[in-house]
Every structure is written in structure tokens, then in C-alpha cells.
Amino acid sequence: MYRPRDTRMSLSQAQALIDAHGFAMLLDGRLQASHLPLVLERNEGELGTLYGHFARANPHWHELDGQRVLAIFQGPHAYVSPRWYATRPAVPTWNYVAVHASGVVERLDDAATLASLDALVAQYEPDLLDDEEILGEAYRRRLLAGTVGFRIRLDDLQGKAKLGLNRSREDQVGMLAGLRASPDPQARQLGSYTQRYLEHHPQEANEDDR
């Protein structure tokens, strides 16, 4: 992934984006892709380990065991108008946040698959695990017949936050105002993310890196 210096995310920032935007595109070397929710276990390995599952009817899993794959996570993104900048002339652009995570796929046994399913539910609706009527223990075990669990021990993790850090403070203020005023909920989400990022990230203006 092309990452100019002012767009590179730290390890913790990339991991936080995966936690917040866990629905990924999983791509193999044959350019076959599946769209899956993945859960990151930060404490397993230097970069973390991703856990997920396929529907057994999905043929994508058949040849993935032992293969290196790429999981792409997309954070908030939106169009940025040059009218929002104080600097003129300027061009339109698209700001975004994304993470690329790579590693080797390992199939899970039934016990580990069930644990990974529970971890996924726990991340998004933890109280559901205590609801025996909807998701009881016996029902969860029956799900295993139609599920193929896996993990990806990450060996590469790259995050990119293209948020206009190379622009002047005046341009950033205008950009944030434009994003907040947009009728597009993705733009407003990007504005909130950018505001938080700017508050914790030193500005590293570098015209050569744009």
C-alpha cells in the first residue's frame, strides 16, 4: 500500500481501526475474495492474530489452509472539496482510512472455532451469549456443521490515514467544517475521526510526500 510519511498509522492506531471496522475483504493469491467479519486478538503474536469463519458452503476456504492472504479493512472515507480549503488553487480529493493485514491462514478445530464465534458475538452484542433462547449452547454447537473457522497470524500490518495532515492548519479547519456540514453520514464520520486524529497526531507537513 502506498503510504506517504504523513499518512502512516502506528501499530496501535491500525489495530484500533480493525477493532472499530472489523468487516474485511479477504483476498488470496488467486484474487479470490470473501467479505467477512474478523476479530483481532492483539496479544497473539507481535502484530496480532485475526480470527474468523467461512460458511462451509463457501468454496473459498477449500484451498486457503497454509496460504498467505490479505485482509483489507476500510474505515471512514469521503470526498473532500477544494472549496473547503483556504489555499488556492487546489484540487478535489478523497480522504480515507484503511488497514492492510497479511498472514498465513490456519484452519481451526471445532473447539477453537466455537470460541472464535463466541468472541465475534461478544464484540458486537455480548449479552446475546447469555440468551439461551436465541443462542443457546446446543444451538451454537450445531452451527459448527456449517462453519469453517480459521485464524491468520499476522506478519505484516500497514495502516494509512489520508486525512490532510500535509495541509496548513487553515485548510484543515475548513476541511473539518465541510465534512461536519455534509449530508453524507460517511463524511461526518470521517470528520469526527479526523478531528480525533489531529488532536493526537503531530502535524508533519511535507509537500514531497503528498
N, C-alpha and C. Protein backbone atom coordinates (compact mmCIF):
# COMPACT_ATOMS: atom_id res chain seq x y z
N MET A 1 0.85 -1.19 0.00
CA MET A 1 0.00 0.00 0.00
C MET A 1 0.89 1.25 0.00
N TYR A 2 0.60 2.17 -0.90
CA TYR A 2 1.36 3.42 -0.97
C TYR A 2 1.03 4.26 0.26
N ARG A 3 2.07 4.60 1.03
CA ARG A 3 1.86 5.32 2.29
C ARG A 3 2.89 6.43 2.44
N PRO A 4 2.61 7.63 1.95
CA PRO A 4 3.49 8.76 2.26
C PRO A 4 3.65 8.91 3.77
N ARG A 5 4.75 9.53 4.17
CA ARG A 5 5.10 9.57 5.59
C ARG A 5 4.00 10.13 6.48
N ASP A 6 3.30 11.17 6.00
CA ASP A 6 2.30 11.81 6.85
C ASP A 6 1.00 11.01 6.95
N THR A 7 0.91 9.88 6.24
CA THR A 7 -0.31 9.06 6.29
C THR A 7 -0.13 7.76 7.07
N ARG A 8 1.09 7.46 7.50
CA ARG A 8 1.34 6.16 8.11
C ARG A 8 0.79 6.09 9.54
N MET A 9 0.01 5.06 9.79
CA MET A 9 -0.56 4.85 11.11
C MET A 9 0.39 4.02 11.97
N SER A 10 0.35 4.25 13.27
CA SER A 10 1.11 3.42 14.19
C SER A 10 0.42 2.06 14.33
N LEU A 11 1.11 1.12 14.94
CA LEU A 11 0.55 -0.21 15.15
C LEU A 11 -0.74 -0.12 15.95
N SER A 12 -0.73 0.65 17.04
CA SER A 12 -1.92 0.73 17.87
C SER A 12 -3.08 1.40 17.13
N GLN A 13 -2.79 2.39 16.28
CA GLN A 13 -3.84 3.03 15.50
C GLN A 13 -4.44 2.06 14.49
N ALA A 14 -3.58 1.28 13.83
CA ALA A 14 -4.08 0.30 12.86
C ALA A 14 -4.93 -0.77 13.55
N GLN A 15 -4.48 -1.23 14.70
CA GLN A 15 -5.25 -2.23 15.43
C GLN A 15 -6.58 -1.67 15.90
N ALA A 16 -6.59 -0.40 16.33
CA ALA A 16 -7.84 0.22 16.77
C ALA A 16 -8.83 0.33 15.62
N LEU A 17 -8.34 0.59 14.41
CA LEU A 17 -9.25 0.67 13.27
C LEU A 17 -9.87 -0.69 12.98
N ILE A 18 -9.08 -1.76 13.09
CA ILE A 18 -9.64 -3.10 12.90
C ILE A 18 -10.73 -3.38 13.94
N ASP A 19 -10.48 -3.00 15.18
CA ASP A 19 -11.49 -3.20 16.23
C ASP A 19 -12.79 -2.47 15.90
N ALA A 20 -12.67 -1.25 15.36
CA ALA A 20 -13.84 -0.42 15.10
C ALA A 20 -14.52 -0.74 13.77
N HIS A 21 -13.75 -1.27 12.81
CA HIS A 21 -14.28 -1.55 11.47
C HIS A 21 -13.84 -2.96 11.06
N GLY A 22 -14.42 -3.96 11.72
CA GLY A 22 -13.94 -5.33 11.59
C GLY A 22 -14.43 -6.10 10.39
N PHE A 23 -15.25 -5.48 9.52
CA PHE A 23 -15.73 -6.20 8.34
C PHE A 23 -14.71 -6.02 7.23
N ALA A 24 -14.10 -7.14 6.80
CA ALA A 24 -12.94 -7.09 5.91
C ALA A 24 -13.21 -7.77 4.58
N MET A 25 -12.40 -7.41 3.60
CA MET A 25 -12.31 -8.17 2.36
C MET A 25 -11.08 -9.05 2.47
N LEU A 26 -11.27 -10.37 2.37
CA LEU A 26 -10.18 -11.33 2.49
C LEU A 26 -9.81 -11.80 1.09
N LEU A 27 -8.57 -11.52 0.70
CA LEU A 27 -8.11 -11.74 -0.67
C LEU A 27 -6.95 -12.72 -0.68
N ASP A 28 -7.03 -13.73 -1.57
CA ASP A 28 -5.94 -14.70 -1.66
C ASP A 28 -5.09 -14.44 -2.90
N GLY A 29 -4.07 -15.27 -3.10
CA GLY A 29 -3.15 -15.07 -4.22
C GLY A 29 -3.76 -15.31 -5.58
N ARG A 30 -4.92 -15.95 -5.63
CA ARG A 30 -5.61 -16.18 -6.90
C ARG A 30 -6.58 -15.05 -7.22
N LEU A 31 -6.59 -14.02 -6.38
CA LEU A 31 -7.51 -12.89 -6.49
C LEU A 31 -8.96 -13.31 -6.25
N GLN A 32 -9.15 -14.37 -5.46
CA GLN A 32 -10.47 -14.73 -4.97
C GLN A 32 -10.70 -13.97 -3.67
N ALA A 33 -11.91 -13.46 -3.48
CA ALA A 33 -12.17 -12.62 -2.32
C ALA A 33 -13.46 -13.03 -1.62
N SER A 34 -13.47 -12.90 -0.31
CA SER A 34 -14.68 -13.05 0.50
C SER A 34 -14.78 -11.86 1.43
N HIS A 35 -16.00 -11.52 1.81
CA HIS A 35 -16.24 -10.40 2.72
C HIS A 35 -16.71 -10.97 4.05
N LEU A 36 -15.90 -10.76 5.10
CA LEU A 36 -16.10 -11.46 6.36
C LEU A 36 -15.83 -10.54 7.55
N PRO A 37 -16.56 -10.73 8.66
CA PRO A 37 -16.18 -10.06 9.91
C PRO A 37 -15.01 -10.81 10.55
N LEU A 38 -14.01 -10.06 11.00
CA LEU A 38 -12.84 -10.65 11.63
C LEU A 38 -12.61 -9.99 12.99
N VAL A 39 -12.11 -10.77 13.92
CA VAL A 39 -11.80 -10.28 15.27
C VAL A 39 -10.29 -10.34 15.48
N LEU A 40 -9.72 -9.25 15.97
CA LEU A 40 -8.29 -9.18 16.21
C LEU A 40 -7.97 -9.49 17.67
N GLU A 41 -7.09 -10.46 17.88
CA GLU A 41 -6.52 -10.72 19.20
C GLU A 41 -5.14 -10.09 19.23
N ARG A 42 -5.02 -8.95 19.88
CA ARG A 42 -3.78 -8.18 19.85
C ARG A 42 -2.61 -8.88 20.53
N ASN A 43 -2.91 -9.70 21.52
CA ASN A 43 -1.84 -10.29 22.33
C ASN A 43 -1.29 -11.59 21.76
N GLU A 44 -1.77 -12.00 20.62
CA GLU A 44 -1.27 -13.22 19.98
C GLU A 44 -0.34 -12.84 18.83
N GLY A 45 0.95 -12.87 19.10
CA GLY A 45 1.93 -12.50 18.10
C GLY A 45 2.30 -11.03 18.19
N GLU A 46 3.37 -10.69 17.49
CA GLU A 46 3.88 -9.31 17.54
C GLU A 46 2.89 -8.31 16.99
N LEU A 47 2.17 -8.68 15.94
CA LEU A 47 1.21 -7.78 15.31
C LEU A 47 -0.23 -8.12 15.63
N GLY A 48 -0.46 -9.30 16.19
CA GLY A 48 -1.81 -9.75 16.48
C GLY A 48 -2.22 -10.90 15.57
N THR A 49 -3.35 -11.49 15.89
CA THR A 49 -3.89 -12.61 15.12
C THR A 49 -5.37 -12.34 14.85
N LEU A 50 -5.78 -12.55 13.60
CA LEU A 50 -7.18 -12.38 13.21
C LEU A 50 -7.90 -13.72 13.27
N TYR A 51 -9.14 -13.69 13.75
CA TYR A 51 -9.98 -14.88 13.79
C TYR A 51 -11.25 -14.62 12.99
N GLY A 52 -11.69 -15.65 12.26
CA GLY A 52 -12.92 -15.53 11.50
C GLY A 52 -13.45 -16.89 11.11
N HIS A 53 -14.48 -16.88 10.29
CA HIS A 53 -15.04 -18.15 9.83
C HIS A 53 -15.71 -17.96 8.48
N PHE A 54 -15.71 -19.05 7.72
CA PHE A 54 -16.45 -19.13 6.47
C PHE A 54 -17.72 -19.95 6.68
N ALA A 55 -18.74 -19.67 5.89
CA ALA A 55 -19.81 -20.65 5.73
C ALA A 55 -19.22 -21.84 4.99
N ARG A 56 -19.51 -23.04 5.44
CA ARG A 56 -18.92 -24.22 4.82
C ARG A 56 -19.28 -24.32 3.34
N ALA A 57 -20.43 -23.75 2.96
CA ALA A 57 -20.85 -23.78 1.56
C ALA A 57 -20.03 -22.85 0.67
N ASN A 58 -19.26 -21.95 1.27
CA ASN A 58 -18.41 -21.04 0.51
C ASN A 58 -17.15 -21.79 0.07
N PRO A 59 -16.93 -21.98 -1.23
CA PRO A 59 -15.77 -22.78 -1.66
C PRO A 59 -14.43 -22.09 -1.44
N HIS A 60 -14.44 -20.82 -1.06
CA HIS A 60 -13.19 -20.08 -0.93
C HIS A 60 -12.24 -20.72 0.09
N TRP A 61 -12.78 -21.33 1.13
CA TRP A 61 -11.93 -21.85 2.20
C TRP A 61 -11.17 -23.11 1.81
N HIS A 62 -11.60 -23.79 0.74
CA HIS A 62 -11.07 -25.13 0.43
C HIS A 62 -9.55 -25.16 0.27
N GLU A 63 -8.95 -24.13 -0.33
CA GLU A 63 -7.52 -24.16 -0.63
C GLU A 63 -6.73 -23.12 0.16
N LEU A 64 -7.32 -22.58 1.21
CA LEU A 64 -6.65 -21.49 1.91
C LEU A 64 -5.75 -21.94 3.05
N ASP A 65 -5.95 -23.12 3.59
CA ASP A 65 -5.15 -23.55 4.73
C ASP A 65 -3.67 -23.55 4.35
N GLY A 66 -2.86 -22.79 5.09
CA GLY A 66 -1.44 -22.69 4.80
C GLY A 66 -1.08 -21.64 3.77
N GLN A 67 -2.08 -20.95 3.23
CA GLN A 67 -1.83 -19.93 2.21
C GLN A 67 -1.79 -18.54 2.84
N ARG A 68 -0.98 -17.67 2.22
CA ARG A 68 -0.88 -16.29 2.69
C ARG A 68 -2.01 -15.48 2.06
N VAL A 69 -2.66 -14.66 2.88
CA VAL A 69 -3.80 -13.87 2.42
C VAL A 69 -3.64 -12.42 2.87
N LEU A 70 -4.47 -11.57 2.29
CA LEU A 70 -4.52 -10.15 2.64
C LEU A 70 -5.93 -9.81 3.09
N ALA A 71 -6.06 -9.24 4.28
CA ALA A 71 -7.34 -8.75 4.77
C ALA A 71 -7.32 -7.22 4.71
N ILE A 72 -8.31 -6.64 4.04
CA ILE A 72 -8.39 -5.19 3.88
C ILE A 72 -9.55 -4.66 4.70
N PHE A 73 -9.25 -3.73 5.59
CA PHE A 73 -10.25 -3.10 6.44
C PHE A 73 -10.42 -1.64 6.01
N GLN A 74 -11.65 -1.24 5.77
CA GLN A 74 -11.93 0.13 5.32
C GLN A 74 -12.58 0.93 6.43
N GLY A 75 -11.94 2.03 6.82
CA GLY A 75 -12.52 2.93 7.78
C GLY A 75 -13.35 4.00 7.09
N PRO A 76 -13.65 5.10 7.77
CA PRO A 76 -14.44 6.16 7.15
C PRO A 76 -13.72 6.78 5.96
N HIS A 77 -14.49 7.21 4.96
CA HIS A 77 -13.92 7.82 3.77
C HIS A 77 -14.95 8.76 3.16
N ALA A 78 -14.47 9.77 2.44
CA ALA A 78 -15.40 10.74 1.84
C ALA A 78 -14.67 11.66 0.88
N TYR A 79 -15.45 12.26 0.00
CA TYR A 79 -14.97 13.29 -0.93
C TYR A 79 -14.63 14.55 -0.14
N VAL A 80 -13.54 15.22 -0.55
CA VAL A 80 -13.13 16.48 0.06
C VAL A 80 -13.09 17.54 -1.04
N SER A 81 -13.88 18.58 -0.88
CA SER A 81 -13.98 19.64 -1.88
C SER A 81 -12.84 20.65 -1.73
N PRO A 82 -12.24 21.12 -2.85
CA PRO A 82 -11.22 22.18 -2.75
C PRO A 82 -11.80 23.50 -2.27
N ARG A 83 -13.12 23.65 -2.33
CA ARG A 83 -13.76 24.88 -1.84
C ARG A 83 -13.62 25.03 -0.32
N TRP A 84 -13.33 23.93 0.35
CA TRP A 84 -13.20 23.98 1.80
C TRP A 84 -11.85 24.51 2.26
N TYR A 85 -10.87 24.57 1.35
CA TYR A 85 -9.52 24.98 1.72
C TYR A 85 -9.37 26.49 1.65
N ALA A 86 -8.48 27.01 2.47
CA ALA A 86 -8.09 28.43 2.38
C ALA A 86 -7.09 28.62 1.24
N THR A 87 -6.30 27.60 0.96
CA THR A 87 -5.26 27.68 -0.08
C THR A 87 -5.87 27.53 -1.46
N ARG A 88 -5.48 28.40 -2.37
CA ARG A 88 -5.92 28.32 -3.77
C ARG A 88 -4.70 28.47 -4.68
N PRO A 89 -4.63 27.77 -5.84
CA PRO A 89 -5.60 26.77 -6.29
C PRO A 89 -5.46 25.47 -5.52
N ALA A 90 -6.46 24.59 -5.69
CA ALA A 90 -6.47 23.29 -5.02
C ALA A 90 -7.31 22.33 -5.85
N VAL A 91 -7.13 21.05 -5.60
CA VAL A 91 -7.88 20.04 -6.36
C VAL A 91 -8.78 19.24 -5.42
N PRO A 92 -9.86 18.65 -5.96
CA PRO A 92 -10.66 17.73 -5.15
C PRO A 92 -9.84 16.50 -4.79
N THR A 93 -10.21 15.86 -3.71
CA THR A 93 -9.53 14.62 -3.32
C THR A 93 -10.50 13.73 -2.57
N TRP A 94 -10.02 12.56 -2.20
CA TRP A 94 -10.81 11.63 -1.40
C TRP A 94 -9.97 11.24 -0.19
N ASN A 95 -10.44 11.56 0.99
CA ASN A 95 -9.73 11.17 2.21
C ASN A 95 -10.29 9.87 2.75
N TYR A 96 -9.42 9.08 3.39
CA TYR A 96 -9.87 7.76 3.83
C TYR A 96 -8.90 7.20 4.87
N VAL A 97 -9.36 6.15 5.51
CA VAL A 97 -8.55 5.38 6.44
C VAL A 97 -8.70 3.92 6.07
N ALA A 98 -7.57 3.20 5.98
CA ALA A 98 -7.61 1.79 5.61
C ALA A 98 -6.44 1.05 6.25
N VAL A 99 -6.64 -0.24 6.45
CA VAL A 99 -5.59 -1.11 7.00
C VAL A 99 -5.48 -2.36 6.14
N HIS A 100 -4.24 -2.73 5.81
CA HIS A 100 -3.94 -3.99 5.12
C HIS A 100 -3.24 -4.92 6.11
N ALA A 101 -3.79 -6.10 6.30
CA ALA A 101 -3.24 -7.07 7.25
C ALA A 101 -2.98 -8.39 6.52
N SER A 102 -1.74 -8.89 6.61
CA SER A 102 -1.36 -10.10 5.87
C SER A 102 -0.83 -11.17 6.81
N GLY A 103 -1.03 -12.42 6.42
CA GLY A 103 -0.51 -13.54 7.18
C GLY A 103 -0.98 -14.85 6.57
N VAL A 104 -0.64 -15.94 7.23
CA VAL A 104 -0.95 -17.29 6.75
C VAL A 104 -2.19 -17.82 7.45
N VAL A 105 -3.07 -18.42 6.68
CA VAL A 105 -4.32 -18.98 7.20
C VAL A 105 -4.07 -20.33 7.86
N GLU A 106 -4.69 -20.54 9.02
CA GLU A 106 -4.67 -21.83 9.70
C GLU A 106 -6.11 -22.22 10.04
N ARG A 107 -6.50 -23.43 9.64
CA ARG A 107 -7.83 -23.93 10.00
C ARG A 107 -7.89 -24.18 11.50
N LEU A 108 -9.07 -23.98 12.07
CA LEU A 108 -9.30 -24.21 13.49
C LEU A 108 -10.08 -25.50 13.72
N ASP A 109 -9.83 -26.14 14.85
CA ASP A 109 -10.65 -27.29 15.21
C ASP A 109 -12.00 -26.80 15.76
N ASP A 110 -12.88 -27.73 16.09
CA ASP A 110 -14.23 -27.35 16.50
C ASP A 110 -14.24 -26.46 17.74
N ALA A 111 -13.40 -26.81 18.72
CA ALA A 111 -13.39 -26.05 19.96
C ALA A 111 -12.93 -24.62 19.72
N ALA A 112 -11.87 -24.45 18.93
CA ALA A 112 -11.35 -23.12 18.64
C ALA A 112 -12.33 -22.34 17.75
N THR A 113 -13.00 -23.03 16.85
CA THR A 113 -13.99 -22.37 16.00
C THR A 113 -15.14 -21.84 16.85
N LEU A 114 -15.63 -22.65 17.77
CA LEU A 114 -16.71 -22.22 18.64
C LEU A 114 -16.28 -21.03 19.49
N ALA A 115 -15.06 -21.06 19.99
CA ALA A 115 -14.54 -19.94 20.78
C ALA A 115 -14.46 -18.68 19.93
N SER A 116 -14.06 -18.82 18.67
CA SER A 116 -13.96 -17.64 17.81
C SER A 116 -15.34 -17.07 17.47
N LEU A 117 -16.33 -17.94 17.30
CA LEU A 117 -17.71 -17.48 17.08
C LEU A 117 -18.21 -16.71 18.29
N ASP A 118 -17.92 -17.23 19.47
CA ASP A 118 -18.33 -16.53 20.69
C ASP A 118 -17.63 -15.18 20.83
N ALA A 119 -16.34 -15.12 20.43
CA ALA A 119 -15.61 -13.86 20.51
C ALA A 119 -16.20 -12.82 19.57
N LEU A 120 -16.66 -13.26 18.40
CA LEU A 120 -17.28 -12.35 17.44
C LEU A 120 -18.58 -11.78 18.01
N VAL A 121 -19.41 -12.65 18.57
CA VAL A 121 -20.66 -12.19 19.17
C VAL A 121 -20.36 -11.27 20.35
N ALA A 122 -19.36 -11.62 21.15
CA ALA A 122 -19.02 -10.83 22.32
C ALA A 122 -18.58 -9.42 21.95
N GLN A 123 -17.97 -9.27 20.79
CA GLN A 123 -17.51 -7.94 20.37
C GLN A 123 -18.67 -7.04 19.98
N TYR A 124 -19.73 -7.61 19.40
CA TYR A 124 -20.80 -6.78 18.86
C TYR A 124 -22.09 -6.81 19.69
N GLU A 125 -22.35 -7.90 20.39
CA GLU A 125 -23.56 -7.99 21.21
C GLU A 125 -23.33 -8.98 22.34
N PRO A 126 -22.52 -8.61 23.34
CA PRO A 126 -22.11 -9.57 24.36
C PRO A 126 -23.26 -10.20 25.13
N ASP A 127 -24.33 -9.45 25.36
CA ASP A 127 -25.45 -10.01 26.13
C ASP A 127 -26.10 -11.19 25.42
N LEU A 128 -25.93 -11.28 24.11
CA LEU A 128 -26.55 -12.37 23.35
C LEU A 128 -26.02 -13.73 23.78
N LEU A 129 -24.78 -13.76 24.25
CA LEU A 129 -24.19 -15.04 24.67
C LEU A 129 -24.91 -15.63 25.88
N ASP A 130 -25.61 -14.79 26.65
CA ASP A 130 -26.34 -15.26 27.82
C ASP A 130 -27.80 -15.55 27.52
N ASP A 131 -28.22 -15.39 26.27
CA ASP A 131 -29.61 -15.61 25.89
C ASP A 131 -29.76 -17.03 25.35
N GLU A 132 -30.15 -17.95 26.20
CA GLU A 132 -30.26 -19.36 25.82
C GLU A 132 -31.36 -19.60 24.80
N GLU A 133 -32.38 -18.73 24.79
CA GLU A 133 -33.48 -18.93 23.85
C GLU A 133 -33.03 -18.66 22.41
N ILE A 134 -32.19 -17.64 22.22
CA ILE A 134 -31.75 -17.26 20.87
C ILE A 134 -30.47 -17.97 20.47
N LEU A 135 -29.50 -18.04 21.38
CA LEU A 135 -28.18 -18.54 21.01
C LEU A 135 -27.65 -19.45 22.12
N GLY A 136 -28.39 -20.49 22.38
CA GLY A 136 -28.01 -21.42 23.43
C GLY A 136 -26.80 -22.27 23.05
N GLU A 137 -26.23 -22.94 24.04
CA GLU A 137 -25.02 -23.74 23.83
C GLU A 137 -25.24 -24.83 22.80
N ALA A 138 -26.35 -25.55 22.90
CA ALA A 138 -26.62 -26.63 21.95
C ALA A 138 -26.75 -26.10 20.53
N TYR A 139 -27.40 -24.96 20.37
CA TYR A 139 -27.56 -24.38 19.03
C TYR A 139 -26.22 -23.93 18.47
N ARG A 140 -25.36 -23.30 19.30
CA ARG A 140 -24.05 -22.87 18.83
C ARG A 140 -23.23 -24.06 18.33
N ARG A 141 -23.34 -25.18 19.01
CA ARG A 141 -22.59 -26.36 18.59
C ARG A 141 -23.13 -26.92 17.27
N ARG A 142 -24.43 -26.82 17.05
CA ARG A 142 -24.99 -27.27 15.77
C ARG A 142 -24.50 -26.39 14.62
N LEU A 143 -24.19 -25.14 14.92
CA LEU A 143 -23.69 -24.24 13.88
C LEU A 143 -22.35 -24.72 13.31
N LEU A 144 -21.61 -25.50 14.09
CA LEU A 144 -20.30 -25.94 13.64
C LEU A 144 -20.37 -26.77 12.36
N ALA A 145 -21.49 -27.46 12.16
CA ALA A 145 -21.62 -28.29 10.97
C ALA A 145 -21.57 -27.46 9.69
N GLY A 146 -21.96 -26.21 9.77
CA GLY A 146 -21.97 -25.35 8.59
C GLY A 146 -20.92 -24.26 8.62
N THR A 147 -19.91 -24.41 9.48
CA THR A 147 -18.93 -23.35 9.70
C THR A 147 -17.51 -23.87 9.62
N VAL A 148 -16.63 -23.09 9.02
CA VAL A 148 -15.20 -23.41 8.96
C VAL A 148 -14.44 -22.25 9.59
N GLY A 149 -13.88 -22.48 10.76
CA GLY A 149 -13.14 -21.44 11.46
C GLY A 149 -11.69 -21.39 11.03
N PHE A 150 -11.10 -20.19 11.15
CA PHE A 150 -9.69 -20.02 10.79
C PHE A 150 -9.09 -18.87 11.58
N ARG A 151 -7.76 -18.84 11.57
CA ARG A 151 -7.04 -17.69 12.12
C ARG A 151 -5.94 -17.31 11.15
N ILE A 152 -5.51 -16.06 11.27
CA ILE A 152 -4.42 -15.53 10.45
C ILE A 152 -3.41 -14.89 11.39
N ARG A 153 -2.26 -15.53 11.53
CA ARG A 153 -1.19 -14.95 12.35
C ARG A 153 -0.50 -13.87 11.50
N LEU A 154 -0.67 -12.63 11.90
CA LEU A 154 -0.23 -11.52 11.05
C LEU A 154 1.28 -11.40 11.02
N ASP A 155 1.82 -11.24 9.81
CA ASP A 155 3.24 -10.95 9.65
C ASP A 155 3.48 -9.58 9.03
N ASP A 156 2.40 -8.90 8.65
CA ASP A 156 2.51 -7.54 8.11
C ASP A 156 1.21 -6.81 8.39
N LEU A 157 1.34 -5.59 8.89
CA LEU A 157 0.17 -4.78 9.22
C LEU A 157 0.48 -3.33 8.87
N GLN A 158 -0.23 -2.78 7.89
CA GLN A 158 0.01 -1.43 7.42
C GLN A 158 -1.29 -0.63 7.46
N GLY A 159 -1.24 0.51 8.12
CA GLY A 159 -2.39 1.38 8.19
C GLY A 159 -2.10 2.70 7.51
N LYS A 160 -3.11 3.22 6.80
CA LYS A 160 -2.97 4.50 6.12
C LYS A 160 -4.13 5.40 6.50
N ALA A 161 -3.80 6.61 6.96
CA ALA A 161 -4.80 7.62 7.29
C ALA A 161 -4.54 8.85 6.41
N LYS A 162 -5.19 8.90 5.27
CA LYS A 162 -5.07 10.04 4.36
C LYS A 162 -6.08 11.09 4.82
N LEU A 163 -5.63 12.01 5.65
CA LEU A 163 -6.53 12.93 6.34
C LEU A 163 -6.13 14.39 6.16
N GLY A 164 -5.25 14.68 5.22
CA GLY A 164 -4.85 16.06 5.00
C GLY A 164 -3.86 16.59 6.02
N LEU A 165 -3.05 15.70 6.61
CA LEU A 165 -2.07 16.16 7.59
C LEU A 165 -0.99 17.02 6.95
N ASN A 166 -0.84 16.94 5.63
CA ASN A 166 0.19 17.73 4.95
C ASN A 166 -0.28 19.14 4.62
N ARG A 167 -1.54 19.44 4.93
CA ARG A 167 -2.08 20.75 4.60
C ARG A 167 -1.94 21.71 5.77
N SER A 168 -2.12 22.99 5.49
CA SER A 168 -2.00 24.02 6.53
C SER A 168 -3.12 23.88 7.56
N ARG A 169 -2.92 24.51 8.70
CA ARG A 169 -3.95 24.48 9.74
C ARG A 169 -5.25 25.11 9.23
N GLU A 170 -5.14 26.17 8.45
CA GLU A 170 -6.33 26.83 7.92
C GLU A 170 -7.09 25.90 6.98
N ASP A 171 -6.36 25.15 6.16
CA ASP A 171 -7.01 24.20 5.27
C ASP A 171 -7.70 23.09 6.06
N GLN A 172 -7.04 22.63 7.11
CA GLN A 172 -7.62 21.56 7.92
C GLN A 172 -8.91 22.02 8.60
N VAL A 173 -8.91 23.25 9.10
CA VAL A 173 -10.12 23.79 9.74
C VAL A 173 -11.27 23.84 8.74
N GLY A 174 -10.99 24.32 7.54
CA GLY A 174 -12.03 24.37 6.52
C GLY A 174 -12.52 22.99 6.12
N MET A 175 -11.58 22.04 6.00
CA MET A 175 -11.95 20.67 5.65
C MET A 175 -12.86 20.06 6.70
N LEU A 176 -12.52 20.25 7.97
CA LEU A 176 -13.33 19.70 9.05
C LEU A 176 -14.73 20.31 9.05
N ALA A 177 -14.82 21.59 8.81
CA ALA A 177 -16.12 22.25 8.76
C ALA A 177 -16.97 21.69 7.61
N GLY A 178 -16.34 21.48 6.45
CA GLY A 178 -17.05 20.93 5.31
C GLY A 178 -17.54 19.52 5.56
N LEU A 179 -16.70 18.69 6.18
CA LEU A 179 -17.09 17.31 6.47
C LEU A 179 -18.23 17.27 7.48
N ARG A 180 -18.17 18.11 8.50
CA ARG A 180 -19.22 18.12 9.52
C ARG A 180 -20.56 18.57 8.95
N ALA A 181 -20.52 19.47 7.98
CA ALA A 181 -21.75 20.02 7.41
C ALA A 181 -22.32 19.14 6.29
N SER A 182 -21.63 18.09 5.91
CA SER A 182 -22.07 17.27 4.78
C SER A 182 -23.32 16.47 5.13
N PRO A 183 -24.23 16.28 4.17
CA PRO A 183 -25.38 15.41 4.40
C PRO A 183 -25.01 13.92 4.38
N ASP A 184 -23.80 13.61 3.94
CA ASP A 184 -23.33 12.22 3.85
C ASP A 184 -22.86 11.76 5.22
N PRO A 185 -23.47 10.72 5.80
CA PRO A 185 -23.04 10.26 7.13
C PRO A 185 -21.59 9.77 7.15
N GLN A 186 -21.11 9.22 6.02
CA GLN A 186 -19.71 8.80 5.97
C GLN A 186 -18.78 10.00 6.10
N ALA A 187 -19.15 11.11 5.47
CA ALA A 187 -18.33 12.32 5.55
C ALA A 187 -18.30 12.83 6.99
N ARG A 188 -19.44 12.84 7.65
CA ARG A 188 -19.47 13.30 9.04
C ARG A 188 -18.65 12.37 9.94
N GLN A 189 -18.73 11.07 9.67
CA GLN A 189 -17.91 10.13 10.44
C GLN A 189 -16.43 10.37 10.20
N LEU A 190 -16.06 10.63 8.94
CA LEU A 190 -14.67 10.95 8.64
C LEU A 190 -14.24 12.22 9.35
N GLY A 191 -15.13 13.21 9.40
CA GLY A 191 -14.80 14.45 10.11
C GLY A 191 -14.51 14.20 11.58
N SER A 192 -15.32 13.38 12.23
CA SER A 192 -15.10 13.07 13.64
C SER A 192 -13.79 12.32 13.84
N TYR A 193 -13.53 11.35 12.94
CA TYR A 193 -12.28 10.59 13.03
C TYR A 193 -11.08 11.51 12.82
N THR A 194 -11.17 12.39 11.82
CA THR A 194 -10.06 13.30 11.53
C THR A 194 -9.79 14.23 12.69
N GLN A 195 -10.85 14.75 13.32
CA GLN A 195 -10.67 15.64 14.46
C GLN A 195 -9.92 14.94 15.58
N ARG A 196 -10.33 13.72 15.90
CA ARG A 196 -9.65 12.97 16.96
C ARG A 196 -8.20 12.67 16.57
N TYR A 197 -7.98 12.34 15.31
CA TYR A 197 -6.63 12.01 14.85
C TYR A 197 -5.72 13.22 14.94
N LEU A 198 -6.22 14.39 14.52
CA LEU A 198 -5.41 15.60 14.56
C LEU A 198 -5.06 16.01 15.99
N GLU A 199 -5.95 15.69 16.91
CA GLU A 199 -5.70 16.05 18.32
C GLU A 199 -4.57 15.22 18.92
N HIS A 200 -4.30 14.04 18.36
CA HIS A 200 -3.31 13.14 18.94
C HIS A 200 -2.13 12.86 18.01
N HIS A 201 -2.10 13.48 16.86
CA HIS A 201 -1.06 13.19 15.87
C HIS A 201 -0.36 14.49 15.50
N PRO A 202 0.95 14.58 15.68
CA PRO A 202 1.66 15.80 15.31
C PRO A 202 1.60 16.05 13.81
N GLN A 203 1.40 17.29 13.42
CA GLN A 203 1.37 17.62 12.01
C GLN A 203 2.77 17.47 11.41
N GLU A 204 2.83 16.74 10.29
CA GLU A 204 4.11 16.50 9.63
C GLU A 204 3.99 16.96 8.19
N ALA A 205 3.91 18.26 7.99
CA ALA A 205 3.77 18.79 6.64
C ALA A 205 5.00 18.46 5.81
N ASN A 206 4.77 17.87 4.64
CA ASN A 206 5.88 17.52 3.75
C ASN A 206 5.33 17.48 2.34
N GLU A 207 5.58 18.52 1.58
CA GLU A 207 4.99 18.62 0.24
C GLU A 207 5.43 17.47 -0.65
N ASP A 208 6.65 16.93 -0.45
CA ASP A 208 7.12 15.85 -1.30
C ASP A 208 6.39 14.56 -1.08
N ASP A 209 5.70 14.43 0.07
CA ASP A 209 5.04 13.17 0.41
C ASP A 209 3.59 13.14 -0.03
N ARG A 210 3.07 14.18 -0.58
CA ARG A 210 1.66 14.23 -0.91
C ARG A 210 1.30 13.22 -1.99
